[in-house]
Amino acid sequence: MATHDGNPPGGVERLIEKVLFAARWLLAPMYLGLSLALLALGLKFFEEAWHVLAGAFSM
């Protein structure tokens, strides 16, 4: 990534870029856990909805 004057980024800017780029691997397990929790919540919702609908139609 070049700066506004066309020169390559300095040491501090390059370090910040590397840290931000590496930090995505710290977030990946959290996103995986959130996805699994959302899946479990969706399954439980449809299970309960099935019970409610089955009870409504049996009356």
N, C-alpha and C. Protein backbone atom coordinates (compact mmCIF):
# COMPACT_ATOMS: atom_id res chain seq x y z
N MET A 1 0.86 -1.17 0.00
CA MET A 1 0.00 0.00 0.00
C MET A 1 0.90 1.23 0.00
N ALA A 2 0.68 2.12 -0.92
CA ALA A 2 1.50 3.33 -1.03
C ALA A 2 0.82 4.49 -0.32
N THR A 3 1.63 5.41 0.16
CA THR A 3 1.08 6.60 0.79
C THR A 3 0.62 7.58 -0.29
N HIS A 4 0.07 8.71 0.14
CA HIS A 4 -0.47 9.68 -0.81
C HIS A 4 0.59 10.28 -1.73
N ASP A 5 1.86 10.25 -1.31
CA ASP A 5 2.92 10.79 -2.16
C ASP A 5 3.60 9.71 -3.00
N GLY A 6 3.07 8.47 -2.96
CA GLY A 6 3.60 7.41 -3.80
C GLY A 6 4.71 6.59 -3.16
N ASN A 7 5.17 6.98 -1.97
CA ASN A 7 6.23 6.25 -1.31
C ASN A 7 5.64 5.05 -0.55
N PRO A 8 6.43 3.98 -0.37
CA PRO A 8 5.94 2.85 0.42
C PRO A 8 5.73 3.25 1.87
N PRO A 9 4.84 2.57 2.59
CA PRO A 9 4.55 2.94 3.98
C PRO A 9 5.77 2.78 4.88
N GLY A 10 5.79 3.58 5.95
CA GLY A 10 6.90 3.54 6.89
C GLY A 10 6.82 2.35 7.82
N GLY A 11 7.77 2.24 8.74
CA GLY A 11 7.87 1.10 9.64
C GLY A 11 6.68 0.97 10.58
N VAL A 12 6.24 2.08 11.16
CA VAL A 12 5.13 2.03 12.11
C VAL A 12 3.84 1.66 11.39
N GLU A 13 3.61 2.25 10.23
CA GLU A 13 2.41 1.94 9.47
C GLU A 13 2.41 0.48 9.03
N ARG A 14 3.56 0.00 8.61
CA ARG A 14 3.69 -1.40 8.19
C ARG A 14 3.42 -2.34 9.37
N LEU A 15 3.90 -1.98 10.56
CA LEU A 15 3.67 -2.79 11.75
C LEU A 15 2.17 -2.84 12.09
N ILE A 16 1.51 -1.70 12.01
CA ILE A 16 0.06 -1.66 12.29
C ILE A 16 -0.69 -2.53 11.29
N GLU A 17 -0.31 -2.47 10.03
CA GLU A 17 -0.96 -3.30 9.01
C GLU A 17 -0.77 -4.78 9.30
N LYS A 18 0.43 -5.16 9.70
CA LYS A 18 0.70 -6.57 10.00
C LYS A 18 -0.09 -7.04 11.22
N VAL A 19 -0.19 -6.21 12.24
CA VAL A 19 -0.94 -6.58 13.45
C VAL A 19 -2.42 -6.74 13.13
N LEU A 20 -2.99 -5.81 12.38
CA LEU A 20 -4.40 -5.91 12.02
C LEU A 20 -4.66 -7.12 11.14
N PHE A 21 -3.75 -7.41 10.24
CA PHE A 21 -3.92 -8.56 9.36
C PHE A 21 -3.83 -9.86 10.14
N ALA A 22 -2.95 -9.93 11.13
CA ALA A 22 -2.80 -11.14 11.94
C ALA A 22 -3.95 -11.29 12.94
N ALA A 23 -4.58 -10.20 13.34
CA ALA A 23 -5.64 -10.25 14.36
C ALA A 23 -6.88 -10.97 13.86
N ARG A 24 -7.04 -11.09 12.56
CA ARG A 24 -8.23 -11.76 12.04
C ARG A 24 -8.27 -13.21 12.48
N TRP A 25 -7.12 -13.83 12.74
CA TRP A 25 -7.10 -15.22 13.19
C TRP A 25 -7.53 -15.33 14.65
N LEU A 26 -7.48 -14.24 15.39
CA LEU A 26 -8.01 -14.25 16.76
C LEU A 26 -9.53 -14.19 16.75
N LEU A 27 -10.10 -13.56 15.73
CA LEU A 27 -11.55 -13.43 15.63
C LEU A 27 -12.20 -14.66 15.00
N ALA A 28 -11.47 -15.43 14.22
CA ALA A 28 -12.05 -16.57 13.51
C ALA A 28 -12.70 -17.58 14.46
N PRO A 29 -12.07 -18.00 15.57
CA PRO A 29 -12.75 -18.94 16.48
C PRO A 29 -14.02 -18.36 17.11
N MET A 30 -14.00 -17.06 17.36
CA MET A 30 -15.19 -16.43 17.94
C MET A 30 -16.34 -16.46 16.93
N TYR A 31 -16.06 -16.16 15.67
CA TYR A 31 -17.10 -16.21 14.64
C TYR A 31 -17.61 -17.64 14.45
N LEU A 32 -16.72 -18.61 14.53
CA LEU A 32 -17.15 -20.01 14.42
C LEU A 32 -18.07 -20.38 15.58
N GLY A 33 -17.72 -19.98 16.79
CA GLY A 33 -18.57 -20.25 17.95
C GLY A 33 -19.91 -19.56 17.84
N LEU A 34 -19.93 -18.32 17.36
CA LEU A 34 -21.19 -17.61 17.18
C LEU A 34 -22.06 -18.28 16.12
N SER A 35 -21.44 -18.78 15.08
CA SER A 35 -22.20 -19.47 14.03
C SER A 35 -22.81 -20.75 14.56
N LEU A 36 -22.06 -21.51 15.35
CA LEU A 36 -22.59 -22.74 15.93
C LEU A 36 -23.71 -22.45 16.92
N ALA A 37 -23.56 -21.40 17.71
CA ALA A 37 -24.61 -21.02 18.65
C ALA A 37 -25.88 -20.60 17.91
N LEU A 38 -25.73 -19.88 16.81
CA LEU A 38 -26.89 -19.48 16.01
C LEU A 38 -27.57 -20.70 15.40
N LEU A 39 -26.80 -21.66 14.96
CA LEU A 39 -27.37 -22.89 14.42
C LEU A 39 -28.15 -23.64 15.50
N ALA A 40 -27.59 -23.77 16.70
CA ALA A 40 -28.28 -24.44 17.79
C ALA A 40 -29.56 -23.71 18.17
N LEU A 41 -29.51 -22.40 18.20
CA LEU A 41 -30.69 -21.60 18.51
C LEU A 41 -31.78 -21.78 17.45
N GLY A 42 -31.39 -21.81 16.20
CA GLY A 42 -32.35 -22.03 15.12
C GLY A 42 -32.98 -23.40 15.19
N LEU A 43 -32.20 -24.43 15.50
CA LEU A 43 -32.74 -25.77 15.64
C LEU A 43 -33.74 -25.84 16.79
N LYS A 44 -33.41 -25.23 17.90
CA LYS A 44 -34.31 -25.23 19.05
C LYS A 44 -35.59 -24.47 18.73
N PHE A 45 -35.49 -23.37 18.01
CA PHE A 45 -36.67 -22.61 17.63
C PHE A 45 -37.62 -23.45 16.79
N PHE A 46 -37.08 -24.13 15.77
CA PHE A 46 -37.95 -24.92 14.91
C PHE A 46 -38.50 -26.15 15.63
N GLU A 47 -37.76 -26.68 16.58
CA GLU A 47 -38.27 -27.78 17.40
C GLU A 47 -39.48 -27.31 18.22
N GLU A 48 -39.35 -26.16 18.86
CA GLU A 48 -40.47 -25.63 19.65
C GLU A 48 -41.64 -25.21 18.75
N ALA A 49 -41.35 -24.64 17.60
CA ALA A 49 -42.42 -24.26 16.67
C ALA A 49 -43.18 -25.50 16.21
N TRP A 50 -42.48 -26.59 15.97
CA TRP A 50 -43.13 -27.84 15.57
C TRP A 50 -44.08 -28.33 16.66
N HIS A 51 -43.64 -28.27 17.93
CA HIS A 51 -44.48 -28.70 19.04
C HIS A 51 -45.73 -27.82 19.16
N VAL A 52 -45.57 -26.53 18.99
CA VAL A 52 -46.70 -25.62 19.08
C VAL A 52 -47.69 -25.87 17.95
N LEU A 53 -47.18 -26.00 16.73
CA LEU A 53 -48.06 -26.23 15.59
C LEU A 53 -48.76 -27.59 15.67
N ALA A 54 -48.03 -28.60 16.13
CA ALA A 54 -48.64 -29.93 16.28
C ALA A 54 -49.75 -29.88 17.32
N GLY A 55 -49.55 -29.15 18.40
CA GLY A 55 -50.58 -29.01 19.43
C GLY A 55 -51.77 -28.20 18.94
N ALA A 56 -51.54 -27.21 18.11
CA ALA A 56 -52.62 -26.37 17.59
C ALA A 56 -53.52 -27.15 16.64
N PHE A 57 -52.92 -28.00 15.84
CA PHE A 57 -53.71 -28.76 14.87
C PHE A 57 -54.38 -29.99 15.47
N SER A 58 -53.96 -30.40 16.66
CA SER A 58 -54.58 -31.57 17.29
C SER A 58 -55.80 -31.19 18.10
N MET A 59 -56.08 -29.92 18.27
CA MET A 59 -57.24 -29.47 19.06
C MET A 59 -58.52 -29.60 18.27
